[in-house]
């Protein structure tokens, strides 16, 4: 095991399969473009491209697609020490992008490797680390969900813990399942990033500000709400900031949220490393704005190119 790892990212690794635009609805052949993906997979790569020592903790198929996933992680300098190979298929996420660049998804992953983590698979002694991050459908897809919950419970209070619910109704359509799991996780984590679409799905009768305030009261130290082209809002116990979205020619928005997350983890991780005991006290309005501007700039770069092609540090110019 690599004891220099700063971040362990937990969750799914899959293939995003893009459907070519402009193909007639009655066409008997539909060209497909398959690319490695999965929100946690993307975040781990995003951290590595920001020069962070990151590892992915995930169930990965022993099939040829799983081997490709591992090969990509290795080529991106993401540690595979916590990858658990499974005799199960690789999840496929079919993606159709509309004329505004907004994706819609169809998942094919019942019984797949990334949903098959067992408690024994996460009964590990992680290295002294800066942060543990988890999110997306891995927090509700069993048995992976309960296995990751056990890991979070063991690590809570010992490192920075980050959560991005990244709701996927096509994987788990029952919002009560997501809500119940969040009720357990929120008091255990330090920072939460959530999109306005996620909150609308989770709590359609509540204003976003009310939900974020409730999460802060439950113990979260930082809550970030992303609104796509309308920017982002950030709250802590000590401040608030609204962030605008940089001007960019959008190709598509695939991976934008993952990019924002990776950049946010990078910046908050710096604060945590400098002062693990009191880092959250520095989160006044000015500091929140600094964090948000960097994260939004990184996400804008991903939106300017096709697919989840996250930026390297030297590409992010403020």
Foldseek 3Di string as FASTA:
>chain_A
DDLQAAEEEEFAKAKEKEWDPPDDPPDPDTDIDIDIDDLSLLLLLLLLLQVHAYEYAFFFEPDPVSVVSVVVCVVSNHDDPRYHYDPFAGKYWYWYADPVQEIDTAIDAVRGRRLEDDLVSLPDDHHQYAEYEYEECLCQRPPSNVSVLVVLVVCQPRHAYEYEHNYDCNVPVDLVSVVVSCVSCLLRHAEYEYEPVRCCSNPVPDDPVVVVVVSQVSPHAKYKYQYVQQFIWIDGPAAIETGHADDADFPHQAQLVSQLVSLLCVLLSVLCVVPVVCSSVVPYHVSVHVSRVQSNQQSRVCRRDPHNPGHRPVVRDD
